[in-house]
Amino acid sequence: MFTIEFLHEIRDAEIEVIASHFPPGARILEIGAGTGRQALDIRRRGFAVEAIEIAESNYRDQQEFPITAYDGRHIPFPDASFDVVFSSNVLEHVRDFDALHSEIKRVLRPNGRCVHVMPTHAWRFWTILAAFPAGVQKAVAVARAPGRPGTPLQKAAQAVVRVVRTLGHLFAPFVQGRHGERGSLLGELWLFRPAVWRRHFRRQGFEILRDQPMGLHYTGYFVFGPRWSLSKRARLAGRLGSACHLFELRPIPSNELASP
């Protein structure tokens, strides 16, 4: 079952792949840094790192690294400040792509690069299915939790609450919502395909230098958690699909865009 420690293990393994795409000595900007754990890991590898996150982030009280708040549109750094702009599972949550990509190009230095890690349609499909065993696991945990001492009336109220929570977990998989800011739950089976991300980046004026699966299979629920090792998840990625896909991009200069 899901544990935050195993999620950290997954993210640490992904940083091993991601950091290999950063030029030595690069100054990095991470967009959507969350707790800052990945930014901290990148800094430990010898890179200069700045991290930004929206002010209303759910992670604002759990930060492990200095993070600058921003409004989700305007990057609060001067022009040509960074060699690499990096994000992991963030762009699908962006509402105004034009504004953010324009800002990314502005803060990149000449010959700068972007490295974006995006969720895949495989992640979306298996996460939809994994919601059902995850709901059962949560329902069983609620049903087995020991009750608190109290009067007969209080114990009866606890029993009612327990039943409601158990049924809620069992029913939740049938009313799943979308993950990102566009489309629908089922629409993300199309929108999260690497081919769709490729078209998106090209429309936004980026050349794709490299794109590859991240090579780990997992869902949004981690139903099996650490019982499925990273090596097993790597093997499963070849059969069931990688949860994420990495893109390395170069902004196409305006004079090249204008060329016939």
C-alpha atoms as a PDB file:
ATOM      1  CA  MET A   1       0.000   0.000   0.000  1.00  0.00           C
ATOM      2  CA  PHE A   2       1.059   3.638  -0.481  1.00  0.00           C
ATOM      3  CA  THR A   3       3.778   5.044   1.755  1.00  0.00           C
ATOM      4  CA  ILE A   4       5.410   8.448   1.397  1.00  0.00           C
ATOM      5  CA  GLU A   5       8.789   6.775   1.898  1.00  0.00           C
ATOM      6  CA  PHE A   6       8.296   4.599  -1.166  1.00  0.00           C
ATOM      7  CA  LEU A   7       7.143   7.592  -3.212  1.00  0.00           C
ATOM      8  CA  HIS A   8      10.431   9.255  -2.255  1.00  0.00           C
ATOM      9  CA  GLU A   9      12.263   6.138  -3.433  1.00  0.00           C
ATOM     10  CA  ILE A  10      10.491   6.388  -6.788  1.00  0.00           C
ATOM     11  CA  ARG A  11      11.310  10.098  -7.140  1.00  0.00           C
ATOM     12  CA  ASP A  12      14.949   9.515  -6.162  1.00  0.00           C
ATOM     13  CA  ALA A  13      15.258   6.871  -8.876  1.00  0.00           C
ATOM     14  CA  GLU A  14      13.724   9.251 -11.407  1.00  0.00           C
ATOM     15  CA  ILE A  15      16.165  12.030 -10.498  1.00  0.00           C
ATOM     16  CA  GLU A  16      18.997   9.657 -11.386  1.00  0.00           C
ATOM     17  CA  VAL A  17      17.652   9.649 -14.949  1.00  0.00           C
ATOM     18  CA  ILE A  18      16.652  13.310 -15.068  1.00  0.00           C
ATOM     19  CA  ALA A  19      19.935  14.724 -13.776  1.00  0.00           C
ATOM     20  CA  SER A  20      21.845  12.911 -16.510  1.00  0.00           C
ATOM     21  CA  HIS A  21      20.279  15.385 -18.962  1.00  0.00           C
ATOM     22  CA  PHE A  22      21.618  18.453 -17.130  1.00  0.00           C
ATOM     23  CA  PRO A  23      24.879  19.969 -18.441  1.00  0.00           C
ATOM     24  CA  PRO A  24      27.699  20.030 -15.858  1.00  0.00           C
ATOM     25  CA  GLY A  25      27.620  23.200 -13.775  1.00  0.00           C
ATOM     26  CA  ALA A  26      24.192  24.220 -15.076  1.00  0.00           C
ATOM     27  CA  ARG A  27      21.945  26.635 -13.216  1.00  0.00           C
ATOM     28  CA  ILE A  28      18.550  24.921 -12.895  1.00  0.00           C
ATOM     29  CA  LEU A  29      15.038  26.261 -12.348  1.00  0.00           C
ATOM     30  CA  GLU A  30      12.477  23.748 -11.116  1.00  0.00           C
ATOM     31  CA  ILE A  31       8.865  24.704 -11.789  1.00  0.00           C
ATOM     32  CA  GLY A  32       6.249  23.208  -9.458  1.00  0.00           C
ATOM     33  CA  ALA A  33       8.780  22.052  -6.889  1.00  0.00           C
ATOM     34  CA  GLY A  34       6.281  20.764  -4.293  1.00  0.00           C
ATOM     35  CA  THR A  35       8.206  20.096  -1.088  1.00  0.00           C
ATOM     36  CA  GLY A  36      11.504  20.839  -2.830  1.00  0.00           C
ATOM     37  CA  ARG A  37      12.800  17.305  -2.308  1.00  0.00           C
ATOM     38  CA  GLN A  38      13.901  16.907  -5.925  1.00  0.00           C
ATOM     39  CA  ALA A  39      15.448  20.386  -5.969  1.00  0.00           C
ATOM     40  CA  LEU A  40      17.412  19.428  -2.869  1.00  0.00           C
ATOM     41  CA  ASP A  41      18.594  16.231  -4.545  1.00  0.00           C
ATOM     42  CA  ILE A  42      19.652  18.168  -7.641  1.00  0.00           C
ATOM     43  CA  ARG A  43      21.616  20.643  -5.516  1.00  0.00           C
ATOM     44  CA  ARG A  44      23.374  17.752  -3.779  1.00  0.00           C
ATOM     45  CA  ARG A  45      24.578  16.688  -7.212  1.00  0.00           C
ATOM     46  CA  GLY A  46      26.454  19.954  -7.608  1.00  0.00           C
ATOM     47  CA  PHE A  47      23.970  22.099  -9.527  1.00  0.00           C
ATOM     48  CA  ALA A  48      22.825  25.596  -8.628  1.00  0.00           C
ATOM     49  CA  VAL A  49      19.046  25.341  -8.209  1.00  0.00           C
ATOM     50  CA  GLU A  50      16.120  27.710  -7.805  1.00  0.00           C
ATOM     51  CA  ALA A  51      12.641  26.305  -7.149  1.00  0.00           C
ATOM     52  CA  ILE A  52       9.218  27.883  -7.590  1.00  0.00           C
ATOM     53  CA  GLU A  53       5.740  26.725  -6.595  1.00  0.00           C
ATOM     54  CA  ILE A  54       2.306  28.322  -6.535  1.00  0.00           C
ATOM     55  CA  ALA A  55       1.539  30.066  -3.254  1.00  0.00           C
ATOM     56  CA  GLU A  56      -1.549  27.927  -2.557  1.00  0.00           C
ATOM     57  CA  SER A  57       0.334  24.641  -2.923  1.00  0.00           C
ATOM     58  CA  ASN A  58      -0.658  21.787  -0.610  1.00  0.00           C
ATOM     59  CA  TYR A  59       3.051  21.372   0.157  1.00  0.00           C
ATOM     60  CA  ARG A  60       3.727  24.860   1.497  1.00  0.00           C
ATOM     61  CA  ASP A  61       4.060  23.589   5.076  1.00  0.00           C
ATOM     62  CA  GLN A  62       6.261  20.604   4.160  1.00  0.00           C
ATOM     63  CA  GLN A  63       9.116  22.270   2.321  1.00  0.00           C
ATOM     64  CA  GLU A  64      12.589  20.725   2.456  1.00  0.00           C
ATOM     65  CA  PHE A  65      14.224  23.366   0.251  1.00  0.00           C
ATOM     66  CA  PRO A  66      13.880  27.164  -0.129  1.00  0.00           C
ATOM     67  CA  ILE A  67      11.010  27.716  -2.570  1.00  0.00           C
ATOM     68  CA  THR A  68       9.885  30.958  -4.182  1.00  0.00           C
ATOM     69  CA  ALA A  69       6.113  31.412  -4.482  1.00  0.00           C
ATOM     70  CA  TYR A  70       4.762  32.474  -7.878  1.00  0.00           C
ATOM     71  CA  ASP A  71       1.379  32.971  -9.535  1.00  0.00           C
ATOM     72  CA  GLY A  72       1.570  30.064 -12.002  1.00  0.00           C
ATOM     73  CA  ARG A  73       2.106  32.406 -14.960  1.00  0.00           C
ATOM     74  CA  HIS A  74       4.986  34.833 -14.385  1.00  0.00           C
ATOM     75  CA  ILE A  75       8.365  33.372 -13.412  1.00  0.00           C
ATOM     76  CA  PRO A  76       9.918  35.748 -10.829  1.00  0.00           C
ATOM     77  CA  PHE A  77      13.448  35.805 -12.283  1.00  0.00           C
ATOM     78  CA  PRO A  78      15.211  38.039 -14.824  1.00  0.00           C
ATOM     79  CA  ASP A  79      15.684  37.221 -18.490  1.00  0.00           C
ATOM     80  CA  ALA A  80      18.334  34.629 -19.394  1.00  0.00           C
ATOM     81  CA  SER A  81      18.779  33.402 -15.809  1.00  0.00           C
ATOM     82  CA  PHE A  82      18.951  29.623 -16.275  1.00  0.00           C
ATOM     83  CA  ASP A  83      20.639  26.943 -18.347  1.00  0.00           C
ATOM     84  CA  VAL A  84      17.838  24.425 -17.724  1.00  0.00           C
ATOM     85  CA  VAL A  85      14.163  24.699 -16.808  1.00  0.00           C
ATOM     86  CA  PHE A  86      12.907  21.466 -15.272  1.00  0.00           C
ATOM     87  CA  SER A  87       9.487  20.186 -14.245  1.00  0.00           C
ATOM     88  CA  SER A  88       8.163  16.816 -13.121  1.00  0.00           C
ATOM     89  CA  ASN A  89       4.460  15.969 -13.464  1.00  0.00           C
ATOM     90  CA  VAL A  90       3.558  19.650 -13.454  1.00  0.00           C
ATOM     91  CA  LEU A  91       2.639  20.881 -16.937  1.00  0.00           C
ATOM     92  CA  GLU A  92      -0.589  18.857 -17.048  1.00  0.00           C
ATOM     93  CA  HIS A  93      -1.799  21.122 -14.204  1.00  0.00           C
ATOM     94  CA  VAL A  94      -1.063  24.365 -16.094  1.00  0.00           C
ATOM     95  CA  ARG A  95      -4.074  26.348 -17.332  1.00  0.00           C
ATOM     96  CA  ASP A  96      -2.303  28.923 -19.528  1.00  0.00           C
ATOM     97  CA  PHE A  97       0.311  27.097 -21.587  1.00  0.00           C
ATOM     98  CA  ASP A  98       1.076  30.085 -23.814  1.00  0.00           C
ATOM     99  CA  ALA A  99       1.985  32.307 -20.873  1.00  0.00           C
ATOM    100  CA  LEU A 100       4.111  29.748 -19.055  1.00  0.00           C
ATOM    101  CA  HIS A 101       6.030  28.557 -22.123  1.00  0.00           C
ATOM    102  CA  SER A 102       6.703  32.177 -23.060  1.00  0.00           C
ATOM    103  CA  GLU A 103       8.092  32.777 -19.579  1.00  0.00           C
ATOM    104  CA  ILE A 104      10.213  29.618 -19.783  1.00  0.00           C
ATOM    105  CA  LYS A 105      11.774  30.861 -23.021  1.00  0.00           C
ATOM    106  CA  ARG A 106      12.382  34.274 -21.451  1.00  0.00           C
ATOM    107  CA  VAL A 107      14.335  32.975 -18.456  1.00  0.00           C
ATOM    108  CA  LEU A 108      16.399  30.476 -20.452  1.00  0.00           C
ATOM    109  CA  ARG A 109      19.881  31.496 -21.496  1.00  0.00           C
ATOM    110  CA  PRO A 110      20.962  31.158 -25.137  1.00  0.00           C
ATOM    111  CA  ASN A 111      21.294  27.449 -25.931  1.00  0.00           C
ATOM    112  CA  GLY A 112      19.280  26.681 -22.790  1.00  0.00           C
ATOM    113  CA  ARG A 113      17.224  23.528 -22.480  1.00  0.00           C
ATOM    114  CA  CYS A 114      13.990  22.310 -20.910  1.00  0.00           C
ATOM    115  CA  VAL A 115      13.597  18.922 -19.273  1.00  0.00           C
ATOM    116  CA  HIS A 116       9.963  18.023 -18.612  1.00  0.00           C
ATOM    117  CA  VAL A 117       8.689  14.747 -17.148  1.00  0.00           C
ATOM    118  CA  MET A 118       5.077  14.089 -18.131  1.00  0.00           C
ATOM    119  CA  PRO A 119       2.499  11.465 -17.088  1.00  0.00           C
ATOM    120  CA  THR A 120       1.547   8.924 -19.733  1.00  0.00           C
ATOM    121  CA  HIS A 121      -1.687   7.340 -20.892  1.00  0.00           C
ATOM    122  CA  ALA A 122      -0.415   4.098 -19.306  1.00  0.00           C
ATOM    123  CA  TRP A 123      -0.261   5.838 -15.921  1.00  0.00           C
ATOM    124  CA  ARG A 124      -3.784   7.179 -16.455  1.00  0.00           C
ATOM    125  CA  PHE A 125      -5.203   3.782 -17.456  1.00  0.00           C
ATOM    126  CA  TRP A 126      -3.643   1.794 -14.617  1.00  0.00           C
ATOM    127  CA  THR A 127      -4.470   4.504 -12.075  1.00  0.00           C
ATOM    128  CA  ILE A 128      -8.148   4.271 -13.033  1.00  0.00           C
ATOM    129  CA  LEU A 129      -8.060   0.518 -12.437  1.00  0.00           C
ATOM    130  CA  ALA A 130      -5.914   0.751  -9.297  1.00  0.00           C
ATOM    131  CA  ALA A 131      -8.521   2.970  -7.637  1.00  0.00           C
ATOM    132  CA  PHE A 132     -10.700  -0.112  -7.053  1.00  0.00           C
ATOM    133  CA  PRO A 133      -8.266  -2.238  -5.002  1.00  0.00           C
ATOM    134  CA  ALA A 134      -7.053   0.967  -3.318  1.00  0.00           C
ATOM    135  CA  GLY A 135     -10.633   1.716  -2.280  1.00  0.00           C
ATOM    136  CA  VAL A 136     -10.996  -1.788  -0.858  1.00  0.00           C
ATOM    137  CA  GLN A 137      -7.721  -1.443   1.054  1.00  0.00           C
ATOM    138  CA  LYS A 138      -8.866   1.848   2.599  1.00  0.00           C
ATOM    139  CA  ALA A 139     -12.296   0.432   3.434  1.00  0.00           C
ATOM    140  CA  VAL A 140     -10.765  -2.598   5.158  1.00  0.00           C
ATOM    141  CA  ALA A 141      -8.408  -0.346   7.124  1.00  0.00           C
ATOM    142  CA  VAL A 142     -11.366   1.718   8.355  1.00  0.00           C
ATOM    143  CA  ALA A 143     -13.417  -1.374   9.215  1.00  0.00           C
ATOM    144  CA  ARG A 144     -10.545  -2.902  11.200  1.00  0.00           C
ATOM    145  CA  ALA A 145      -9.543   0.255  13.065  1.00  0.00           C
ATOM    146  CA  PRO A 146     -10.162  -0.047  16.802  1.00  0.00           C
ATOM    147  CA  GLY A 147     -12.973   2.048  18.189  1.00  0.00           C
ATOM    148  CA  ARG A 148     -12.561   4.680  20.883  1.00  0.00           C
ATOM    149  CA  PRO A 149     -13.974   4.175  24.370  1.00  0.00           C
ATOM    150  CA  GLY A 150     -17.192   5.977  25.170  1.00  0.00           C
ATOM    151  CA  THR A 151     -20.829   5.686  26.119  1.00  0.00           C
ATOM    152  CA  PRO A 152     -23.158   3.356  24.209  1.00  0.00           C
ATOM    153  CA  LEU A 153     -24.496   6.371  22.307  1.00  0.00           C
ATOM    154  CA  GLN A 154     -20.986   7.507  21.394  1.00  0.00           C
ATOM    155  CA  LYS A 155     -20.046   4.012  20.266  1.00  0.00           C
ATOM    156  CA  ALA A 156     -23.178   3.839  18.116  1.00  0.00           C
ATOM    157  CA  ALA A 157     -22.239   7.152  16.508  1.00  0.00           C
ATOM    158  CA  GLN A 158     -18.719   5.827  15.864  1.00  0.00           C
ATOM    159  CA  ALA A 159     -20.184   2.750  14.187  1.00  0.00           C
ATOM    160  CA  VAL A 160     -22.305   4.904  11.882  1.00  0.00           C
ATOM    161  CA  VAL A 161     -19.300   7.029  10.956  1.00  0.00           C
ATOM    162  CA  ARG A 162     -17.269   3.879  10.305  1.00  0.00           C
ATOM    163  CA  VAL A 163     -19.935   2.493   7.967  1.00  0.00           C
ATOM    164  CA  VAL A 164     -20.221   5.791   6.082  1.00  0.00           C
ATOM    165  CA  ARG A 165     -16.445   6.065   5.649  1.00  0.00           C
ATOM    166  CA  THR A 166     -16.173   2.427   4.563  1.00  0.00           C
ATOM    167  CA  LEU A 167     -18.901   2.857   1.945  1.00  0.00           C
ATOM    168  CA  GLY A 168     -17.319   6.122   0.820  1.00  0.00           C
ATOM    169  CA  HIS A 169     -14.006   4.404   0.074  1.00  0.00           C
ATOM    170  CA  LEU A 170     -15.774   1.589  -1.788  1.00  0.00           C
ATOM    171  CA  PHE A 171     -17.828   4.041  -3.864  1.00  0.00           C
ATOM    172  CA  ALA A 172     -15.013   6.533  -4.593  1.00  0.00           C
ATOM    173  CA  PRO A 173     -13.493   4.612  -7.570  1.00  0.00           C
ATOM    174  CA  PHE A 174     -16.770   5.008  -9.460  1.00  0.00           C
ATOM    175  CA  VAL A 175     -16.603   8.813  -9.298  1.00  0.00           C
ATOM    176  CA  GLN A 176     -12.951   9.476 -10.106  1.00  0.00           C
ATOM    177  CA  GLY A 177     -12.073  12.912 -11.430  1.00  0.00           C
ATOM    178  CA  ARG A 178      -9.489  14.003 -13.961  1.00  0.00           C
ATOM    179  CA  HIS A 179      -5.879  14.524 -12.910  1.00  0.00           C
ATOM    180  CA  GLY A 180      -4.914  17.572 -14.970  1.00  0.00           C
ATOM    181  CA  GLU A 181      -6.526  20.815 -16.055  1.00  0.00           C
ATOM    182  CA  ARG A 182      -7.920  19.677 -19.407  1.00  0.00           C
ATOM    183  CA  GLY A 183     -10.385  17.188 -20.737  1.00  0.00           C
ATOM    184  CA  SER A 184     -11.949  14.471 -18.627  1.00  0.00           C
ATOM    185  CA  LEU A 185     -10.880  11.350 -16.797  1.00  0.00           C
ATOM    186  CA  LEU A 186     -11.218   9.217 -19.924  1.00  0.00           C
ATOM    187  CA  GLY A 187      -9.994  12.048 -22.140  1.00  0.00           C
ATOM    188  CA  GLU A 188      -6.654  11.892 -20.354  1.00  0.00           C
ATOM    189  CA  LEU A 189      -6.150   8.433 -21.854  1.00  0.00           C
ATOM    190  CA  TRP A 190      -5.592  10.386 -25.086  1.00  0.00           C
ATOM    191  CA  LEU A 191      -4.199  13.674 -23.790  1.00  0.00           C
ATOM    192  CA  PHE A 192      -1.389  12.002 -21.819  1.00  0.00           C
ATOM    193  CA  ARG A 193      -0.026  10.039 -24.791  1.00  0.00           C
ATOM    194  CA  PRO A 194       3.622  10.964 -25.569  1.00  0.00           C
ATOM    195  CA  ALA A 195       2.617  11.681 -29.176  1.00  0.00           C
ATOM    196  CA  VAL A 196       0.152  14.319 -27.950  1.00  0.00           C
ATOM    197  CA  TRP A 197       2.804  15.912 -25.707  1.00  0.00           C
ATOM    198  CA  ARG A 198       5.171  15.974 -28.708  1.00  0.00           C
ATOM    199  CA  ARG A 199       2.645  17.905 -30.785  1.00  0.00           C
ATOM    200  CA  HIS A 200       2.045  20.250 -27.874  1.00  0.00           C
ATOM    201  CA  PHE A 201       5.725  21.119 -27.474  1.00  0.00           C
ATOM    202  CA  ARG A 202       6.195  21.636 -31.211  1.00  0.00           C
ATOM    203  CA  ARG A 203       3.173  23.942 -31.379  1.00  0.00           C
ATOM    204  CA  GLN A 204       4.695  25.937 -28.526  1.00  0.00           C
ATOM    205  CA  GLY A 205       7.898  26.483 -30.514  1.00  0.00           C
ATOM    206  CA  PHE A 206      10.215  23.843 -29.060  1.00  0.00           C
ATOM    207  CA  GLU A 207      12.461  21.402 -30.839  1.00  0.00           C
ATOM    208  CA  ILE A 208      12.432  17.941 -29.252  1.00  0.00           C
ATOM    209  CA  LEU A 209      16.022  16.879 -28.710  1.00  0.00           C
ATOM    210  CA  ARG A 210      15.255  13.670 -26.859  1.00  0.00           C
ATOM    211  CA  ASP A 211      12.221  11.861 -25.531  1.00  0.00           C
ATOM    212  CA  GLN A 212      12.156   8.557 -23.712  1.00  0.00           C
ATOM    213  CA  PRO A 213      10.128   6.570 -21.186  1.00  0.00           C
ATOM    214  CA  MET A 214      11.269   7.030 -17.608  1.00  0.00           C
ATOM    215  CA  GLY A 215      11.150   3.256 -17.273  1.00  0.00           C
ATOM    216  CA  LEU A 216       9.159   2.693 -14.069  1.00  0.00           C
ATOM    217  CA  HIS A 217       5.613   1.404 -13.812  1.00  0.00           C
ATOM    218  CA  TYR A 218       3.414   2.745 -11.009  1.00  0.00           C
ATOM    219  CA  THR A 219      -0.018   4.271 -10.481  1.00  0.00           C
ATOM    220  CA  GLY A 220      -1.389   7.155  -8.485  1.00  0.00           C
ATOM    221  CA  TYR A 221      -2.229   4.760  -5.659  1.00  0.00           C
ATOM    222  CA  PHE A 222       0.865   2.532  -5.276  1.00  0.00           C
ATOM    223  CA  VAL A 223      -1.433  -0.352  -4.321  1.00  0.00           C
ATOM    224  CA  PHE A 224       1.500  -2.743  -3.874  1.00  0.00           C
ATOM    225  CA  GLY A 225       3.849  -0.074  -2.531  1.00  0.00           C
ATOM    226  CA  PRO A 226       7.344  -1.346  -1.649  1.00  0.00           C
ATOM    227  CA  ARG A 227       6.214  -4.947  -2.129  1.00  0.00           C
ATOM    228  CA  TRP A 228       6.925  -4.264  -5.800  1.00  0.00           C
ATOM    229  CA  SER A 229      10.595  -3.312  -5.946  1.00  0.00           C
ATOM    230  CA  LEU A 230      12.048  -0.748  -8.341  1.00  0.00           C
ATOM    231  CA  SER A 231      13.586  -3.548 -10.398  1.00  0.00           C
ATOM    232  CA  LYS A 232      10.197  -5.234 -10.734  1.00  0.00           C
ATOM    233  CA  ARG A 233       8.580  -1.914 -11.660  1.00  0.00           C
ATOM    234  CA  ALA A 234      11.251  -1.412 -14.327  1.00  0.00           C
ATOM    235  CA  ARG A 235      10.421  -4.820 -15.820  1.00  0.00           C
ATOM    236  CA  LEU A 236       6.688  -4.095 -15.686  1.00  0.00           C
ATOM    237  CA  ALA A 237       7.228  -0.793 -17.501  1.00  0.00           C
ATOM    238  CA  GLY A 238       8.256  -2.794 -20.561  1.00  0.00           C
ATOM    239  CA  ARG A 239       4.954  -4.697 -20.484  1.00  0.00           C
ATOM    240  CA  LEU A 240       2.399  -2.366 -18.922  1.00  0.00           C
ATOM    241  CA  GLY A 241       3.910   0.991 -19.855  1.00  0.00           C
ATOM    242  CA  SER A 242       6.041   3.584 -18.128  1.00  0.00           C
ATOM    243  CA  ALA A 243       4.221   5.924 -15.743  1.00  0.00           C
ATOM    244  CA  CYS A 244       6.130   8.952 -17.032  1.00  0.00           C
ATOM    245  CA  HIS A 245       7.898  10.132 -20.173  1.00  0.00           C
ATOM    246  CA  LEU A 246      10.874  12.503 -20.350  1.00  0.00           C
ATOM    247  CA  PHE A 247      11.237  15.277 -22.930  1.00  0.00           C
ATOM    248  CA  GLU A 248      14.370  17.348 -23.501  1.00  0.00           C
ATOM    249  CA  LEU A 249      13.570  20.470 -25.510  1.00  0.00           C
ATOM    250  CA  ARG A 250      15.229  23.469 -27.124  1.00  0.00           C
ATOM    251  CA  PRO A 251      13.338  26.694 -27.812  1.00  0.00           C
ATOM    252  CA  ILE A 252      13.391  27.329 -31.544  1.00  0.00           C
ATOM    253  CA  PRO A 253      14.681  30.864 -32.229  1.00  0.00           C
ATOM    254  CA  SER A 254      12.154  33.145 -33.892  1.00  0.00           C
ATOM    255  CA  ASN A 255      14.281  33.432 -37.052  1.00  0.00           C
ATOM    256  CA  GLU A 256      14.186  29.629 -37.434  1.00  0.00           C
ATOM    257  CA  LEU A 257      10.433  29.553 -36.862  1.00  0.00           C
ATOM    258  CA  ALA A 258      10.007  32.096 -39.637  1.00  0.00           C
ATOM    259  CA  SER A 259      12.105  30.066 -42.092  1.00  0.00           C
ATOM    260  CA  PRO A 260      10.154  28.297 -44.871  1.00  0.00           C
END
